[in-house]
Each structure stands twice: as C-alpha cells, then as structure tokens.
Amino acid sequence: MNTADAIRQRVQEAAKQLGRNPRPVTDDEILPETGLLDSAGILELVLWVETEFDIEIPQEDFTLDNLGSIRQMVSYIESRRA
C-alpha cells in the first residue's frame, strides 16, 4: 500500500469512528472541508501520520499547505523523510 492509500484508508476509518459516511476522498480535496473529520479527527490523523511514518511534525508545520489534503500530506511526509 502506498502512502496516499494508507492515508486515505485512515481517513475513512476515522470517519466511520465518528459515525460519518466514509465516502471516497480525492488526493486534492481539502480534508477539513470534506466534513468527514472534525478538528479532533484531523489532529488524530496528524498524530497517526507521525507514528505511521516515523516523523515529527513541528507545530508550525500544522498548516493546510502542508497537511490539508492527501497529496499535500504525501509531499510533506516525503520531504521529512528525505
């Protein structure tokens, strides 16, 4: 499973846990705007990314530009692991 697929799967699992219908998400959709995750769900997703990909995300990097969409998360993860 590639990075984008793993994040997409985690988003859908988190949506289910919140009692929401886990519809498919494109790589470019802004996750907070999808309504799938609330703010706590997004924070949990970021913490999962740190653990799953063995990176540390500094607080100043918690931005939509870095973590707003699946594509942006993949790019950010790749840059942190390089």
PDB file of N, CA and C in Angstrom:
ATOM      1  N   MET A   1       0.858  -1.173   0.000  1.00  0.00           N
ATOM      2  CA  MET A   1       0.000   0.000   0.000  1.00  0.00           C
ATOM      3  C   MET A   1       0.902   1.233   0.000  1.00  0.00           C
ATOM      4  N   ASN A   2       0.618   2.163  -0.901  1.00  0.00           N
ATOM      5  CA  ASN A   2       1.440   3.369  -0.933  1.00  0.00           C
ATOM      6  C   ASN A   2       0.956   4.377   0.118  1.00  0.00           C
ATOM      7  N   THR A   3       1.704   5.448   0.268  1.00  0.00           N
ATOM      8  CA  THR A   3       1.432   6.444   1.312  1.00  0.00           C
ATOM      9  C   THR A   3       0.046   7.049   1.164  1.00  0.00           C
ATOM     10  N   ALA A   4      -0.319   7.443  -0.046  1.00  0.00           N
ATOM     11  CA  ALA A   4      -1.634   8.063  -0.262  1.00  0.00           C
ATOM     12  C   ALA A   4      -2.759   7.095   0.091  1.00  0.00           C
ATOM     13  N   ASP A   5      -2.618   5.838  -0.301  1.00  0.00           N
ATOM     14  CA  ASP A   5      -3.650   4.844   0.010  1.00  0.00           C
ATOM     15  C   ASP A   5      -3.777   4.632   1.513  1.00  0.00           C
ATOM     16  N   ALA A   6      -2.648   4.610   2.207  1.00  0.00           N
ATOM     17  CA  ALA A   6      -2.677   4.424   3.658  1.00  0.00           C
ATOM     18  C   ALA A   6      -3.389   5.591   4.345  1.00  0.00           C
ATOM     19  N   ILE A   7      -3.105   6.815   3.909  1.00  0.00           N
ATOM     20  CA  ILE A   7      -3.771   7.988   4.491  1.00  0.00           C
ATOM     21  C   ILE A   7      -5.258   7.958   4.169  1.00  0.00           C
ATOM     22  N   ARG A   8      -5.586   7.657   2.933  1.00  0.00           N
ATOM     23  CA  ARG A   8      -6.998   7.599   2.517  1.00  0.00           C
ATOM     24  C   ARG A   8      -7.761   6.579   3.363  1.00  0.00           C
ATOM     25  N   GLN A   9      -7.165   5.418   3.567  1.00  0.00           N
ATOM     26  CA  GLN A   9      -7.797   4.387   4.385  1.00  0.00           C
ATOM     27  C   GLN A   9      -7.981   4.861   5.822  1.00  0.00           C
ATOM     28  N   ARG A  10      -6.988   5.551   6.358  1.00  0.00           N
ATOM     29  CA  ARG A  10      -7.080   6.053   7.733  1.00  0.00           C
ATOM     30  C   ARG A  10      -8.176   7.116   7.850  1.00  0.00           C
ATOM     31  N   VAL A  11      -8.305   7.979   6.854  1.00  0.00           N
ATOM     32  CA  VAL A  11      -9.365   8.997   6.862  1.00  0.00           C
ATOM     33  C   VAL A  11     -10.727   8.314   6.893  1.00  0.00           C
ATOM     34  N   GLN A  12     -10.905   7.290   6.094  1.00  0.00           N
ATOM     35  CA  GLN A  12     -12.192   6.596   6.053  1.00  0.00           C
ATOM     36  C   GLN A  12     -12.471   5.870   7.366  1.00  0.00           C
ATOM     37  N   GLU A  13     -11.454   5.273   7.971  1.00  0.00           N
ATOM     38  CA  GLU A  13     -11.633   4.614   9.266  1.00  0.00           C
ATOM     39  C   GLU A  13     -12.021   5.629  10.338  1.00  0.00           C
ATOM     40  N   ALA A  14     -11.354   6.779  10.333  1.00  0.00           N
ATOM     41  CA  ALA A  14     -11.657   7.815  11.315  1.00  0.00           C
ATOM     42  C   ALA A  14     -13.073   8.354  11.119  1.00  0.00           C
ATOM     43  N   ALA A  15     -13.505   8.511   9.869  1.00  0.00           N
ATOM     44  CA  ALA A  15     -14.861   8.978   9.587  1.00  0.00           C
ATOM     45  C   ALA A  15     -15.886   7.989  10.133  1.00  0.00           C
ATOM     46  N   LYS A  16     -15.637   6.708   9.936  1.00  0.00           N
ATOM     47  CA  LYS A  16     -16.538   5.681  10.475  1.00  0.00           C
ATOM     48  C   LYS A  16     -16.630   5.777  11.991  1.00  0.00           C
ATOM     49  N   GLN A  17     -15.483   5.970  12.648  1.00  0.00           N
ATOM     50  CA  GLN A  17     -15.463   6.080  14.109  1.00  0.00           C
ATOM     51  C   GLN A  17     -16.282   7.272  14.592  1.00  0.00           C
ATOM     52  N   LEU A  18     -16.342   8.311  13.766  1.00  0.00           N
ATOM     53  CA  LEU A  18     -17.123   9.500  14.117  1.00  0.00           C
ATOM     54  C   LEU A  18     -18.588   9.366  13.711  1.00  0.00           C
ATOM     55  N   GLY A  19     -18.946   8.213  13.144  1.00  0.00           N
ATOM     56  CA  GLY A  19     -20.324   7.989  12.737  1.00  0.00           C
ATOM     57  C   GLY A  19     -20.697   8.669  11.441  1.00  0.00           C
ATOM     58  N   ARG A  20     -19.700   8.983  10.638  1.00  0.00           N
ATOM     59  CA  ARG A  20     -19.954   9.647   9.363  1.00  0.00           C
ATOM     60  C   ARG A  20     -19.829   8.648   8.226  1.00  0.00           C
ATOM     61  N   ASN A  21     -20.471   8.948   7.120  1.00  0.00           N
ATOM     62  CA  ASN A  21     -20.408   8.087   5.947  1.00  0.00           C
ATOM     63  C   ASN A  21     -19.049   8.289   5.280  1.00  0.00           C
ATOM     64  N   PRO A  22     -18.186   7.280   5.294  1.00  0.00           N
ATOM     65  CA  PRO A  22     -16.826   7.441   4.771  1.00  0.00           C
ATOM     66  C   PRO A  22     -16.766   7.384   3.245  1.00  0.00           C
ATOM     67  N   ARG A  23     -17.177   8.440   2.614  1.00  0.00           N
ATOM     68  CA  ARG A  23     -17.158   8.487   1.151  1.00  0.00           C
ATOM     69  C   ARG A  23     -15.713   8.574   0.645  1.00  0.00           C
ATOM     70  N   PRO A  24     -15.496   8.180  -0.605  1.00  0.00           N
ATOM     71  CA  PRO A  24     -14.146   8.297  -1.172  1.00  0.00           C
ATOM     72  C   PRO A  24     -13.671   9.754  -1.182  1.00  0.00           C
ATOM     73  N   VAL A  25     -12.394   9.920  -0.988  1.00  0.00           N
ATOM     74  CA  VAL A  25     -11.784  11.251  -0.964  1.00  0.00           C
ATOM     75  C   VAL A  25     -10.714  11.298  -2.046  1.00  0.00           C
ATOM     76  N   THR A  26     -10.698  12.382  -2.819  1.00  0.00           N
ATOM     77  CA  THR A  26      -9.643  12.527  -3.825  1.00  0.00           C
ATOM     78  C   THR A  26      -8.380  13.054  -3.149  1.00  0.00           C
ATOM     79  N   ASP A  27      -7.268  12.910  -3.825  1.00  0.00           N
ATOM     80  CA  ASP A  27      -5.994  13.343  -3.262  1.00  0.00           C
ATOM     81  C   ASP A  27      -5.904  14.852  -3.079  1.00  0.00           C
ATOM     82  N   ASP A  28      -6.729  15.601  -3.796  1.00  0.00           N
ATOM     83  CA  ASP A  28      -6.633  17.061  -3.740  1.00  0.00           C
ATOM     84  C   ASP A  28      -7.720  17.740  -2.913  1.00  0.00           C
ATOM     85  N   GLU A  29      -8.660  16.988  -2.393  1.00  0.00           N
ATOM     86  CA  GLU A  29      -9.697  17.593  -1.553  1.00  0.00           C
ATOM     87  C   GLU A  29      -9.085  18.075  -0.241  1.00  0.00           C
ATOM     88  N   ILE A  30      -9.514  19.238   0.199  1.00  0.00           N
ATOM     89  CA  ILE A  30      -9.055  19.772   1.479  1.00  0.00           C
ATOM     90  C   ILE A  30      -9.826  19.037   2.572  1.00  0.00           C
ATOM     91  N   LEU A  31      -9.117  18.252   3.355  1.00  0.00           N
ATOM     92  CA  LEU A  31      -9.767  17.355   4.310  1.00  0.00           C
ATOM     93  C   LEU A  31     -10.700  18.060   5.293  1.00  0.00           C
ATOM     94  N   PRO A  32     -10.323  19.210   5.878  1.00  0.00           N
ATOM     95  CA  PRO A  32     -11.275  19.854   6.791  1.00  0.00           C
ATOM     96  C   PRO A  32     -12.585  20.275   6.109  1.00  0.00           C
ATOM     97  N   GLU A  33     -12.538  20.484   4.806  1.00  0.00           N
ATOM     98  CA  GLU A  33     -13.728  20.911   4.079  1.00  0.00           C
ATOM     99  C   GLU A  33     -14.625  19.747   3.669  1.00  0.00           C
ATOM    100  N   THR A  34     -14.136  18.518   3.770  1.00  0.00           N
ATOM    101  CA  THR A  34     -14.930  17.358   3.351  1.00  0.00           C
ATOM    102  C   THR A  34     -16.040  17.038   4.341  1.00  0.00           C
ATOM    103  N   GLY A  35     -15.878  17.453   5.592  1.00  0.00           N
ATOM    104  CA  GLY A  35     -16.861  17.129   6.622  1.00  0.00           C
ATOM    105  C   GLY A  35     -16.715  15.715   7.165  1.00  0.00           C
ATOM    106  N   LEU A  36     -15.714  14.983   6.689  1.00  0.00           N
ATOM    107  CA  LEU A  36     -15.515  13.621   7.176  1.00  0.00           C
ATOM    108  C   LEU A  36     -14.923  13.585   8.577  1.00  0.00           C
ATOM    109  N   LEU A  37     -14.064  14.548   8.870  1.00  0.00           N
ATOM    110  CA  LEU A  37     -13.390  14.584  10.165  1.00  0.00           C
ATOM    111  C   LEU A  37     -13.650  15.917  10.851  1.00  0.00           C
ATOM    112  N   ASP A  38     -13.835  15.860  12.158  1.00  0.00           N
ATOM    113  CA  ASP A  38     -13.906  17.094  12.924  1.00  0.00           C
ATOM    114  C   ASP A  38     -12.482  17.494  13.310  1.00  0.00           C
ATOM    115  N   SER A  39     -12.328  18.566  14.064  1.00  0.00           N
ATOM    116  CA  SER A  39     -10.984  19.037  14.394  1.00  0.00           C
ATOM    117  C   SER A  39     -10.198  17.994  15.191  1.00  0.00           C
ATOM    118  N   ALA A  40     -10.858  17.288  16.090  1.00  0.00           N
ATOM    119  CA  ALA A  40     -10.178  16.239  16.857  1.00  0.00           C
ATOM    120  C   ALA A  40      -9.765  15.094  15.931  1.00  0.00           C
ATOM    121  N   GLY A  41     -10.598  14.762  14.956  1.00  0.00           N
ATOM    122  CA  GLY A  41     -10.272  13.711  14.000  1.00  0.00           C
ATOM    123  C   GLY A  41      -9.070  14.076  13.144  1.00  0.00           C
ATOM    124  N   ILE A  42      -8.978  15.346  12.786  1.00  0.00           N
ATOM    125  CA  ILE A  42      -7.837  15.799  11.990  1.00  0.00           C
ATOM    126  C   ILE A  42      -6.561  15.739  12.831  1.00  0.00           C
ATOM    127  N   LEU A  43      -6.657  16.150  14.089  1.00  0.00           N
ATOM    128  CA  LEU A  43      -5.497  16.065  14.977  1.00  0.00           C
ATOM    129  C   LEU A  43      -5.059  14.611  15.147  1.00  0.00           C
ATOM    130  N   GLU A  44      -6.014  13.716  15.327  1.00  0.00           N
ATOM    131  CA  GLU A  44      -5.687  12.289  15.434  1.00  0.00           C
ATOM    132  C   GLU A  44      -5.031  11.770  14.161  1.00  0.00           C
ATOM    133  N   LEU A  45      -5.487  12.246  13.012  1.00  0.00           N
ATOM    134  CA  LEU A  45      -4.882  11.851  11.739  1.00  0.00           C
ATOM    135  C   LEU A  45      -3.425  12.306  11.679  1.00  0.00           C
ATOM    136  N   VAL A  46      -3.159  13.524  12.102  1.00  0.00           N
ATOM    137  CA  VAL A  46      -1.791  14.044  12.097  1.00  0.00           C
ATOM    138  C   VAL A  46      -0.905  13.235  13.050  1.00  0.00           C
ATOM    139  N   LEU A  47      -1.423  12.910  14.220  1.00  0.00           N
ATOM    140  CA  LEU A  47      -0.661  12.090  15.163  1.00  0.00           C
ATOM    141  C   LEU A  47      -0.403  10.697  14.585  1.00  0.00           C
ATOM    142  N   TRP A  48      -1.387  10.150  13.893  1.00  0.00           N
ATOM    143  CA  TRP A  48      -1.215   8.856  13.230  1.00  0.00           C
ATOM    144  C   TRP A  48      -0.116   8.949  12.172  1.00  0.00           C
ATOM    145  N   VAL A  49      -0.105  10.030  11.399  1.00  0.00           N
ATOM    146  CA  VAL A  49       0.924  10.226  10.369  1.00  0.00           C
ATOM    147  C   VAL A  49       2.308  10.221  11.027  1.00  0.00           C
ATOM    148  N   GLU A  50       2.448  10.924  12.141  1.00  0.00           N
ATOM    149  CA  GLU A  50       3.739  10.950  12.836  1.00  0.00           C
ATOM    150  C   GLU A  50       4.191   9.541  13.219  1.00  0.00           C
ATOM    151  N   THR A  51       3.276   8.776  13.783  1.00  0.00           N
ATOM    152  CA  THR A  51       3.601   7.422  14.232  1.00  0.00           C
ATOM    153  C   THR A  51       3.826   6.482  13.060  1.00  0.00           C
ATOM    154  N   GLU A  52       2.903   6.492  12.125  1.00  0.00           N
ATOM    155  CA  GLU A  52       2.944   5.557  10.997  1.00  0.00           C
ATOM    156  C   GLU A  52       4.182   5.748  10.124  1.00  0.00           C
ATOM    157  N   PHE A  53       4.586   6.998   9.930  1.00  0.00           N
ATOM    158  CA  PHE A  53       5.682   7.290   9.014  1.00  0.00           C
ATOM    159  C   PHE A  53       6.961   7.716   9.743  1.00  0.00           C
ATOM    160  N   ASP A  54       6.936   7.589  11.063  1.00  0.00           N
ATOM    161  CA  ASP A  54       8.109   7.849  11.899  1.00  0.00           C
ATOM    162  C   ASP A  54       8.728   9.217  11.627  1.00  0.00           C
ATOM    163  N   ILE A  55       7.869  10.228  11.676  1.00  0.00           N
ATOM    164  CA  ILE A  55       8.333  11.605  11.517  1.00  0.00           C
ATOM    165  C   ILE A  55       7.775  12.434  12.666  1.00  0.00           C
ATOM    166  N   GLU A  56       8.404  13.564  12.914  1.00  0.00           N
ATOM    167  CA  GLU A  56       7.883  14.517  13.885  1.00  0.00           C
ATOM    168  C   GLU A  56       7.435  15.748  13.120  1.00  0.00           C
ATOM    169  N   ILE A  57       6.215  16.189  13.402  1.00  0.00           N
ATOM    170  CA  ILE A  57       5.669  17.359  12.717  1.00  0.00           C
ATOM    171  C   ILE A  57       5.661  18.518  13.708  1.00  0.00           C
ATOM    172  N   PRO A  58       6.543  19.500  13.502  1.00  0.00           N
ATOM    173  CA  PRO A  58       6.555  20.655  14.397  1.00  0.00           C
ATOM    174  C   PRO A  58       5.243  21.428  14.306  1.00  0.00           C
ATOM    175  N   GLN A  59       4.874  22.059  15.396  1.00  0.00           N
ATOM    176  CA  GLN A  59       3.599  22.774  15.451  1.00  0.00           C
ATOM    177  C   GLN A  59       3.475  23.805  14.326  1.00  0.00           C
ATOM    178  N   GLU A  60       4.573  24.449  13.972  1.00  0.00           N
ATOM    179  CA  GLU A  60       4.494  25.479  12.928  1.00  0.00           C
ATOM    180  C   GLU A  60       4.211  24.877  11.542  1.00  0.00           C
ATOM    181  N   ASP A  61       4.357  23.566  11.414  1.00  0.00           N
ATOM    182  CA  ASP A  61       4.054  22.907  10.143  1.00  0.00           C
ATOM    183  C   ASP A  61       2.611  22.433  10.041  1.00  0.00           C
ATOM    184  N   PHE A  62       1.821  22.625  11.095  1.00  0.00           N
ATOM    185  CA  PHE A  62       0.404  22.246  11.078  1.00  0.00           C
ATOM    186  C   PHE A  62      -0.364  23.289  10.267  1.00  0.00           C
ATOM    187  N   THR A  63      -0.241  23.230   8.954  1.00  0.00           N
ATOM    188  CA  THR A  63      -0.917  24.182   8.073  1.00  0.00           C
ATOM    189  C   THR A  63      -1.632  23.419   6.963  1.00  0.00           C
ATOM    190  N   LEU A  64      -2.594  24.070   6.345  1.00  0.00           N
ATOM    191  CA  LEU A  64      -3.280  23.467   5.200  1.00  0.00           C
ATOM    192  C   LEU A  64      -2.319  23.248   4.038  1.00  0.00           C
ATOM    193  N   ASP A  65      -1.325  24.125   3.914  1.00  0.00           N
ATOM    194  CA  ASP A  65      -0.348  23.965   2.836  1.00  0.00           C
ATOM    195  C   ASP A  65       0.444  22.668   2.981  1.00  0.00           C
ATOM    196  N   ASN A  66       0.687  22.244   4.207  1.00  0.00           N
ATOM    197  CA  ASN A  66       1.458  21.021   4.452  1.00  0.00           C
ATOM    198  C   ASN A  66       0.582  19.784   4.612  1.00  0.00           C
ATOM    199  N   LEU A  67      -0.567  19.950   5.256  1.00  0.00           N
ATOM    200  CA  LEU A  67      -1.342  18.792   5.680  1.00  0.00           C
ATOM    201  C   LEU A  67      -2.817  18.855   5.299  1.00  0.00           C
ATOM    202  N   GLY A  68      -3.184  19.764   4.413  1.00  0.00           N
ATOM    203  CA  GLY A  68      -4.591  19.973   4.098  1.00  0.00           C
ATOM    204  C   GLY A  68      -5.254  18.901   3.262  1.00  0.00           C
ATOM    205  N   SER A  69      -4.477  18.270   2.397  1.00  0.00           N
ATOM    206  CA  SER A  69      -5.040  17.236   1.521  1.00  0.00           C
ATOM    207  C   SER A  69      -4.137  16.002   1.568  1.00  0.00           C
ATOM    208  N   ILE A  70      -4.611  14.931   1.009  1.00  0.00           N
ATOM    209  CA  ILE A  70      -3.798  13.712   0.965  1.00  0.00           C
ATOM    210  C   ILE A  70      -2.528  13.967   0.165  1.00  0.00           C
ATOM    211  N   ARG A  71      -2.647  14.624  -0.977  1.00  0.00           N
ATOM    212  CA  ARG A  71      -1.468  14.915  -1.803  1.00  0.00           C
ATOM    213  C   ARG A  71      -0.457  15.769  -1.036  1.00  0.00           C
ATOM    214  N   GLN A  72      -0.943  16.776  -0.312  1.00  0.00           N
ATOM    215  CA  GLN A  72      -0.036  17.628   0.456  1.00  0.00           C
ATOM    216  C   GLN A  72       0.622  16.851   1.592  1.00  0.00           C
ATOM    217  N   MET A  73      -0.131  15.952   2.231  1.00  0.00           N
ATOM    218  CA  MET A  73       0.447  15.129   3.289  1.00  0.00           C
ATOM    219  C   MET A  73       1.543  14.231   2.736  1.00  0.00           C
ATOM    220  N   VAL A  74       1.294  13.599   1.600  1.00  0.00           N
ATOM    221  CA  VAL A  74       2.300  12.722   0.996  1.00  0.00           C
ATOM    222  C   VAL A  74       3.564  13.515   0.689  1.00  0.00           C
ATOM    223  N   SER A  75       3.400  14.679   0.094  1.00  0.00           N
ATOM    224  CA  SER A  75       4.544  15.519  -0.234  1.00  0.00           C
ATOM    225  C   SER A  75       5.314  15.924   1.024  1.00  0.00           C
ATOM    226  N   TYR A  76       4.572  16.295   2.068  1.00  0.00           N
ATOM    227  CA  TYR A  76       5.198  16.683   3.330  1.00  0.00           C
ATOM    228  C   TYR A  76       5.953  15.507   3.936  1.00  0.00           C
ATOM    229  N   ILE A  77       5.321  14.351   3.983  1.00  0.00           N
ATOM    230  CA  ILE A  77       5.956  13.150   4.546  1.00  0.00           C
ATOM    231  C   ILE A  77       7.240  12.834   3.796  1.00  0.00           C
ATOM    232  N   GLU A  78       7.182  12.871   2.476  1.00  0.00           N
ATOM    233  CA  GLU A  78       8.366  12.585   1.670  1.00  0.00           C
ATOM    234  C   GLU A  78       9.481  13.580   1.944  1.00  0.00           C
ATOM    235  N   SER A  79       9.135  14.860   2.125  1.00  0.00           N
ATOM    236  CA  SER A  79      10.159  15.858   2.394  1.00  0.00           C
ATOM    237  C   SER A  79      10.794  15.669   3.777  1.00  0.00           C
ATOM    238  N   ARG A  80      10.016  15.192   4.739  1.00  0.00           N
ATOM    239  CA  ARG A  80      10.529  14.977   6.094  1.00  0.00           C
ATOM    240  C   ARG A  80      11.390  13.721   6.179  1.00  0.00           C
ATOM    241  N   ARG A  81      11.140  12.778   5.300  1.00  0.00           N
ATOM    242  CA  ARG A  81      11.876  11.518   5.340  1.00  0.00           C
ATOM    243  C   ARG A  81      13.141  11.570   4.477  1.00  0.00           C
ATOM    244  N   ALA A  82      13.265  12.609   3.667  1.00  0.00           N
ATOM    245  CA  ALA A  82      14.414  12.712   2.753  1.00  0.00           C
ATOM    246  C   ALA A  82      15.691  13.072   3.488  1.00  0.00           C
TER     247      ALA A  82
END
